[in-house]
Amino acid sequence: MLGPVPAFKDPDPKIPRRWEAVPKEIKEAILKEHSTFTCRELGKKYGISSSCAWNIRNKKNKQTNKQ
């Protein structure tokens, strides 16, 4: 870069940064889907991210393994 660089401004730490929770109906629907569906397909179908669909599936698996 040429010239002076402005100082980094830290974002306001008081602003809560939370994502909206996935509704219970969507979670249950994802868990009932056939296991051949990919996380990307489930994300598109239910309007959530593929990583969120992955988390829902894996958290359910971890809970059943602990019991």
PDB file of N, CA and C in Angstrom:
ATOM      1  N   MET A   1       0.830  -1.176   0.000  1.00  0.00           N
ATOM      2  CA  MET A   1       0.000   0.000   0.000  1.00  0.00           C
ATOM      3  C   MET A   1       0.875   1.239   0.000  1.00  0.00           C
ATOM      4  N   LEU A   2       0.377   2.232  -0.626  1.00  0.00           N
ATOM      5  CA  LEU A   2       1.086   3.498  -0.655  1.00  0.00           C
ATOM      6  C   LEU A   2       0.348   4.493   0.228  1.00  0.00           C
ATOM      7  N   GLY A   3       1.087   5.271   0.964  1.00  0.00           N
ATOM      8  CA  GLY A   3       0.496   6.309   1.792  1.00  0.00           C
ATOM      9  C   GLY A   3       0.129   5.799   3.180  1.00  0.00           C
ATOM     10  N   PRO A   4      -0.417   6.690   3.982  1.00  0.00           N
ATOM     11  CA  PRO A   4      -0.751   6.305   5.354  1.00  0.00           C
ATOM     12  C   PRO A   4      -1.956   5.364   5.397  1.00  0.00           C
ATOM     13  N   VAL A   5      -1.911   4.476   6.360  1.00  0.00           N
ATOM     14  CA  VAL A   5      -2.991   3.507   6.541  1.00  0.00           C
ATOM     15  C   VAL A   5      -3.780   3.917   7.776  1.00  0.00           C
ATOM     16  N   PRO A   6      -5.103   4.011   7.667  1.00  0.00           N
ATOM     17  CA  PRO A   6      -5.876   4.404   8.847  1.00  0.00           C
ATOM     18  C   PRO A   6      -5.796   3.340   9.934  1.00  0.00           C
ATOM     19  N   ALA A   7      -5.881   3.783  11.169  1.00  0.00           N
ATOM     20  CA  ALA A   7      -5.803   2.876  12.309  1.00  0.00           C
ATOM     21  C   ALA A   7      -7.012   1.946  12.309  1.00  0.00           C
ATOM     22  N   PHE A   8      -6.801   0.750  12.817  1.00  0.00           N
ATOM     23  CA  PHE A   8      -7.873  -0.232  12.891  1.00  0.00           C
ATOM     24  C   PHE A   8      -8.856   0.172  13.978  1.00  0.00           C
ATOM     25  N   LYS A   9     -10.145   0.205  13.641  1.00  0.00           N
ATOM     26  CA  LYS A   9     -11.176   0.526  14.625  1.00  0.00           C
ATOM     27  C   LYS A   9     -11.819  -0.774  15.072  1.00  0.00           C
ATOM     28  N   ASP A  10     -11.745  -1.031  16.349  1.00  0.00           N
ATOM     29  CA  ASP A  10     -12.346  -2.230  16.919  1.00  0.00           C
ATOM     30  C   ASP A  10     -13.864  -2.065  16.895  1.00  0.00           C
ATOM     31  N   PRO A  11     -14.620  -3.087  16.449  1.00  0.00           N
ATOM     32  CA  PRO A  11     -16.074  -2.956  16.464  1.00  0.00           C
ATOM     33  C   PRO A  11     -16.566  -2.827  17.905  1.00  0.00           C
ATOM     34  N   ASP A  12     -17.701  -2.204  18.066  1.00  0.00           N
ATOM     35  CA  ASP A  12     -18.255  -1.970  19.395  1.00  0.00           C
ATOM     36  C   ASP A  12     -18.530  -3.302  20.083  1.00  0.00           C
ATOM     37  N   PRO A  13     -17.814  -3.602  21.178  1.00  0.00           N
ATOM     38  CA  PRO A  13     -18.004  -4.902  21.831  1.00  0.00           C
ATOM     39  C   PRO A  13     -19.337  -5.033  22.559  1.00  0.00           C
ATOM     40  N   LYS A  14     -20.042  -3.915  22.761  1.00  0.00           N
ATOM     41  CA  LYS A  14     -21.318  -3.959  23.487  1.00  0.00           C
ATOM     42  C   LYS A  14     -22.473  -4.432  22.616  1.00  0.00           C
ATOM     43  N   ILE A  15     -22.293  -4.450  21.302  1.00  0.00           N
ATOM     44  CA  ILE A  15     -23.356  -4.883  20.403  1.00  0.00           C
ATOM     45  C   ILE A  15     -23.417  -6.411  20.428  1.00  0.00           C
ATOM     46  N   PRO A  16     -24.550  -6.983  20.809  1.00  0.00           N
ATOM     47  CA  PRO A  16     -24.635  -8.456  20.827  1.00  0.00           C
ATOM     48  C   PRO A  16     -24.633  -9.006  19.409  1.00  0.00           C
ATOM     49  N   ARG A  17     -23.779  -9.980  19.162  1.00  0.00           N
ATOM     50  CA  ARG A  17     -23.685 -10.582  17.848  1.00  0.00           C
ATOM     51  C   ARG A  17     -24.150 -12.020  17.955  1.00  0.00           C
ATOM     52  N   ARG A  18     -25.417 -12.226  17.672  1.00  0.00           N
ATOM     53  CA  ARG A  18     -25.991 -13.572  17.740  1.00  0.00           C
ATOM     54  C   ARG A  18     -26.684 -13.883  16.434  1.00  0.00           C
ATOM     55  N   TRP A  19     -26.669 -15.150  16.107  1.00  0.00           N
ATOM     56  CA  TRP A  19     -27.396 -15.604  14.943  1.00  0.00           C
ATOM     57  C   TRP A  19     -28.746 -16.106  15.400  1.00  0.00           C
ATOM     58  N   GLU A  20     -29.694 -16.026  14.524  1.00  0.00           N
ATOM     59  CA  GLU A  20     -31.019 -16.517  14.877  1.00  0.00           C
ATOM     60  C   GLU A  20     -30.982 -18.031  15.013  1.00  0.00           C
ATOM     61  N   ALA A  21     -31.705 -18.515  15.982  1.00  0.00           N
ATOM     62  CA  ALA A  21     -31.760 -19.956  16.201  1.00  0.00           C
ATOM     63  C   ALA A  21     -32.623 -20.602  15.123  1.00  0.00           C
ATOM     64  N   VAL A  22     -32.287 -21.817  14.763  1.00  0.00           N
ATOM     65  CA  VAL A  22     -33.064 -22.566  13.775  1.00  0.00           C
ATOM     66  C   VAL A  22     -34.321 -23.082  14.480  1.00  0.00           C
ATOM     67  N   PRO A  23     -35.492 -22.882  13.889  1.00  0.00           N
ATOM     68  CA  PRO A  23     -36.719 -23.356  14.516  1.00  0.00           C
ATOM     69  C   PRO A  23     -36.705 -24.865  14.767  1.00  0.00           C
ATOM     70  N   LYS A  24     -37.407 -25.266  15.792  1.00  0.00           N
ATOM     71  CA  LYS A  24     -37.435 -26.670  16.199  1.00  0.00           C
ATOM     72  C   LYS A  24     -37.995 -27.562  15.092  1.00  0.00           C
ATOM     73  N   GLU A  25     -38.966 -27.045  14.333  1.00  0.00           N
ATOM     74  CA  GLU A  25     -39.578 -27.828  13.253  1.00  0.00           C
ATOM     75  C   GLU A  25     -38.544 -28.178  12.182  1.00  0.00           C
ATOM     76  N   ILE A  26     -37.671 -27.215  11.861  1.00  0.00           N
ATOM     77  CA  ILE A  26     -36.644 -27.463  10.848  1.00  0.00           C
ATOM     78  C   ILE A  26     -35.636 -28.479  11.366  1.00  0.00           C
ATOM     79  N   LYS A  27     -35.245 -28.364  12.643  1.00  0.00           N
ATOM     80  CA  LYS A  27     -34.301 -29.321  13.215  1.00  0.00           C
ATOM     81  C   LYS A  27     -34.863 -30.743  13.149  1.00  0.00           C
ATOM     82  N   GLU A  28     -36.123 -30.883  13.540  1.00  0.00           N
ATOM     83  CA  GLU A  28     -36.738 -32.208  13.513  1.00  0.00           C
ATOM     84  C   GLU A  28     -36.843 -32.742  12.095  1.00  0.00           C
ATOM     85  N   ALA A  29     -37.176 -31.860  11.144  1.00  0.00           N
ATOM     86  CA  ALA A  29     -37.295 -32.286   9.752  1.00  0.00           C
ATOM     87  C   ALA A  29     -35.944 -32.748   9.203  1.00  0.00           C
ATOM     88  N   ILE A  30     -34.877 -32.050   9.558  1.00  0.00           N
ATOM     89  CA  ILE A  30     -33.544 -32.436   9.083  1.00  0.00           C
ATOM     90  C   ILE A  30     -33.154 -33.795   9.653  1.00  0.00           C
ATOM     91  N   LEU A  31     -33.459 -34.017  10.913  1.00  0.00           N
ATOM     92  CA  LEU A  31     -33.104 -35.291  11.535  1.00  0.00           C
ATOM     93  C   LEU A  31     -33.924 -36.451  10.977  1.00  0.00           C
ATOM     94  N   LYS A  32     -35.124 -36.169  10.463  1.00  0.00           N
ATOM     95  CA  LYS A  32     -35.968 -37.221   9.889  1.00  0.00           C
ATOM     96  C   LYS A  32     -35.628 -37.519   8.439  1.00  0.00           C
ATOM     97  N   GLU A  33     -34.894 -36.611   7.778  1.00  0.00           N
ATOM     98  CA  GLU A  33     -34.544 -36.813   6.377  1.00  0.00           C
ATOM     99  C   GLU A  33     -33.658 -38.044   6.217  1.00  0.00           C
ATOM    100  N   HIS A  34     -33.718 -38.629   5.043  1.00  0.00           N
ATOM    101  CA  HIS A  34     -32.906 -39.808   4.739  1.00  0.00           C
ATOM    102  C   HIS A  34     -31.434 -39.419   4.773  1.00  0.00           C
ATOM    103  N   SER A  35     -30.589 -40.326   5.198  1.00  0.00           N
ATOM    104  CA  SER A  35     -29.171 -40.017   5.385  1.00  0.00           C
ATOM    105  C   SER A  35     -28.418 -39.792   4.076  1.00  0.00           C
ATOM    106  N   THR A  36     -29.032 -40.089   2.934  1.00  0.00           N
ATOM    107  CA  THR A  36     -28.337 -39.872   1.666  1.00  0.00           C
ATOM    108  C   THR A  36     -28.338 -38.407   1.244  1.00  0.00           C
ATOM    109  N   PHE A  37     -29.172 -37.573   1.859  1.00  0.00           N
ATOM    110  CA  PHE A  37     -29.162 -36.147   1.550  1.00  0.00           C
ATOM    111  C   PHE A  37     -27.873 -35.528   2.075  1.00  0.00           C
ATOM    112  N   THR A  38     -27.257 -34.674   1.271  1.00  0.00           N
ATOM    113  CA  THR A  38     -26.050 -33.982   1.724  1.00  0.00           C
ATOM    114  C   THR A  38     -26.461 -32.751   2.529  1.00  0.00           C
ATOM    115  N   CYS A  39     -25.515 -32.226   3.277  1.00  0.00           N
ATOM    116  CA  CYS A  39     -25.787 -31.026   4.072  1.00  0.00           C
ATOM    117  C   CYS A  39     -26.098 -29.833   3.171  1.00  0.00           C
ATOM    118  N   ARG A  40     -25.462 -29.790   2.014  1.00  0.00           N
ATOM    119  CA  ARG A  40     -25.735 -28.703   1.075  1.00  0.00           C
ATOM    120  C   ARG A  40     -27.174 -28.770   0.570  1.00  0.00           C
ATOM    121  N   GLU A  41     -27.641 -29.963   0.252  1.00  0.00           N
ATOM    122  CA  GLU A  41     -29.026 -30.125  -0.207  1.00  0.00           C
ATOM    123  C   GLU A  41     -30.019 -29.754   0.891  1.00  0.00           C
ATOM    124  N   LEU A  42     -29.745 -30.179   2.111  1.00  0.00           N
ATOM    125  CA  LEU A  42     -30.635 -29.855   3.218  1.00  0.00           C
ATOM    126  C   LEU A  42     -30.653 -28.353   3.491  1.00  0.00           C
ATOM    127  N   GLY A  43     -29.498 -27.715   3.389  1.00  0.00           N
ATOM    128  CA  GLY A  43     -29.425 -26.278   3.586  1.00  0.00           C
ATOM    129  C   GLY A  43     -30.262 -25.527   2.568  1.00  0.00           C
ATOM    130  N   LYS A  44     -30.174 -25.927   1.309  1.00  0.00           N
ATOM    131  CA  LYS A  44     -30.973 -25.279   0.271  1.00  0.00           C
ATOM    132  C   LYS A  44     -32.459 -25.540   0.471  1.00  0.00           C
ATOM    133  N   LYS A  45     -32.801 -26.754   0.849  1.00  0.00           N
ATOM    134  CA  LYS A  45     -34.206 -27.133   1.018  1.00  0.00           C
ATOM    135  C   LYS A  45     -34.877 -26.339   2.140  1.00  0.00           C
ATOM    136  N   TYR A  46     -34.164 -26.150   3.246  1.00  0.00           N
ATOM    137  CA  TYR A  46     -34.757 -25.498   4.411  1.00  0.00           C
ATOM    138  C   TYR A  46     -34.324 -24.048   4.605  1.00  0.00           C
ATOM    139  N   GLY A  47     -33.509 -23.532   3.705  1.00  0.00           N
ATOM    140  CA  GLY A  47     -33.125 -22.123   3.772  1.00  0.00           C
ATOM    141  C   GLY A  47     -32.143 -21.800   4.884  1.00  0.00           C
ATOM    142  N   ILE A  48     -31.244 -22.731   5.195  1.00  0.00           N
ATOM    143  CA  ILE A  48     -30.213 -22.499   6.195  1.00  0.00           C
ATOM    144  C   ILE A  48     -28.866 -22.813   5.565  1.00  0.00           C
ATOM    145  N   SER A  49     -27.807 -22.512   6.271  1.00  0.00           N
ATOM    146  CA  SER A  49     -26.481 -22.801   5.718  1.00  0.00           C
ATOM    147  C   SER A  49     -26.179 -24.292   5.819  1.00  0.00           C
ATOM    148  N   SER A  50     -25.287 -24.744   4.958  1.00  0.00           N
ATOM    149  CA  SER A  50     -24.933 -26.164   4.975  1.00  0.00           C
ATOM    150  C   SER A  50     -24.194 -26.521   6.262  1.00  0.00           C
ATOM    151  N   SER A  51     -23.426 -25.577   6.815  1.00  0.00           N
ATOM    152  CA  SER A  51     -22.728 -25.853   8.071  1.00  0.00           C
ATOM    153  C   SER A  51     -23.712 -25.984   9.230  1.00  0.00           C
ATOM    154  N   CYS A  52     -24.804 -25.248   9.168  1.00  0.00           N
ATOM    155  CA  CYS A  52     -25.833 -25.350  10.200  1.00  0.00           C
ATOM    156  C   CYS A  52     -26.518 -26.719  10.120  1.00  0.00           C
ATOM    157  N   ALA A  53     -26.807 -27.175   8.925  1.00  0.00           N
ATOM    158  CA  ALA A  53     -27.398 -28.505   8.757  1.00  0.00           C
ATOM    159  C   ALA A  53     -26.433 -29.575   9.251  1.00  0.00           C
ATOM    160  N   TRP A  54     -25.157 -29.395   8.996  1.00  0.00           N
ATOM    161  CA  TRP A  54     -24.142 -30.340   9.473  1.00  0.00           C
ATOM    162  C   TRP A  54     -24.112 -30.373  10.999  1.00  0.00           C
ATOM    163  N   ASN A  55     -24.163 -29.182  11.615  1.00  0.00           N
ATOM    164  CA  ASN A  55     -24.155 -29.107  13.082  1.00  0.00           C
ATOM    165  C   ASN A  55     -25.364 -29.805  13.682  1.00  0.00           C
ATOM    166  N   ILE A  56     -26.524 -29.627  13.087  1.00  0.00           N
ATOM    167  CA  ILE A  56     -27.734 -30.258  13.606  1.00  0.00           C
ATOM    168  C   ILE A  56     -27.595 -31.773  13.557  1.00  0.00           C
ATOM    169  N   ARG A  57     -27.111 -32.291  12.449  1.00  0.00           N
ATOM    170  CA  ARG A  57     -26.944 -33.744  12.333  1.00  0.00           C
ATOM    171  C   ARG A  57     -25.904 -34.273  13.313  1.00  0.00           C
ATOM    172  N   ASN A  58     -24.768 -33.609  13.417  1.00  0.00           N
ATOM    173  CA  ASN A  58     -23.689 -34.106  14.269  1.00  0.00           C
ATOM    174  C   ASN A  58     -23.984 -33.957  15.749  1.00  0.00           C
ATOM    175  N   LYS A  59     -24.650 -32.896  16.152  1.00  0.00           N
ATOM    176  CA  LYS A  59     -24.990 -32.745  17.561  1.00  0.00           C
ATOM    177  C   LYS A  59     -25.959 -33.828  17.992  1.00  0.00           C
ATOM    178  N   LYS A  60     -26.881 -34.181  17.108  1.00  0.00           N
ATOM    179  CA  LYS A  60     -27.817 -35.259  17.429  1.00  0.00           C
ATOM    180  C   LYS A  60     -27.066 -36.577  17.575  1.00  0.00           C
ATOM    181  N   ASN A  61     -26.102 -36.829  16.690  1.00  0.00           N
ATOM    182  CA  ASN A  61     -25.310 -38.063  16.770  1.00  0.00           C
ATOM    183  C   ASN A  61     -24.508 -38.113  18.059  1.00  0.00           C
ATOM    184  N   LYS A  62     -23.932 -36.985  18.473  1.00  0.00           N
ATOM    185  CA  LYS A  62     -23.130 -36.959  19.692  1.00  0.00           C
ATOM    186  C   LYS A  62     -24.009 -37.216  20.915  1.00  0.00           C
ATOM    187  N   GLN A  63     -25.232 -36.661  20.910  1.00  0.00           N
ATOM    188  CA  GLN A  63     -26.122 -36.857  22.052  1.00  0.00           C
ATOM    189  C   GLN A  63     -26.542 -38.302  22.169  1.00  0.00           C
ATOM    190  N   THR A  64     -26.820 -38.967  21.057  1.00  0.00           N
ATOM    191  CA  THR A  64     -27.253 -40.359  21.126  1.00  0.00           C
ATOM    192  C   THR A  64     -26.093 -41.260  21.513  1.00  0.00           C
ATOM    193  N   ASN A  65     -24.850 -40.887  21.154  1.00  0.00           N
ATOM    194  CA  ASN A  65     -23.705 -41.708  21.523  1.00  0.00           C
ATOM    195  C   ASN A  65     -23.400 -41.612  23.005  1.00  0.00           C
ATOM    196  N   LYS A  66     -23.677 -40.464  23.632  1.00  0.00           N
ATOM    197  CA  LYS A  66     -23.375 -40.279  25.054  1.00  0.00           C
ATOM    198  C   LYS A  66     -24.357 -41.046  25.942  1.00  0.00           C
ATOM    199  N   GLN A  67     -25.558 -41.255  25.487  1.00  0.00           N
ATOM    200  CA  GLN A  67     -26.579 -41.874  26.331  1.00  0.00           C
ATOM    201  C   GLN A  67     -26.348 -43.333  26.529  1.00  0.00           C
TER     202      GLN A  67
END
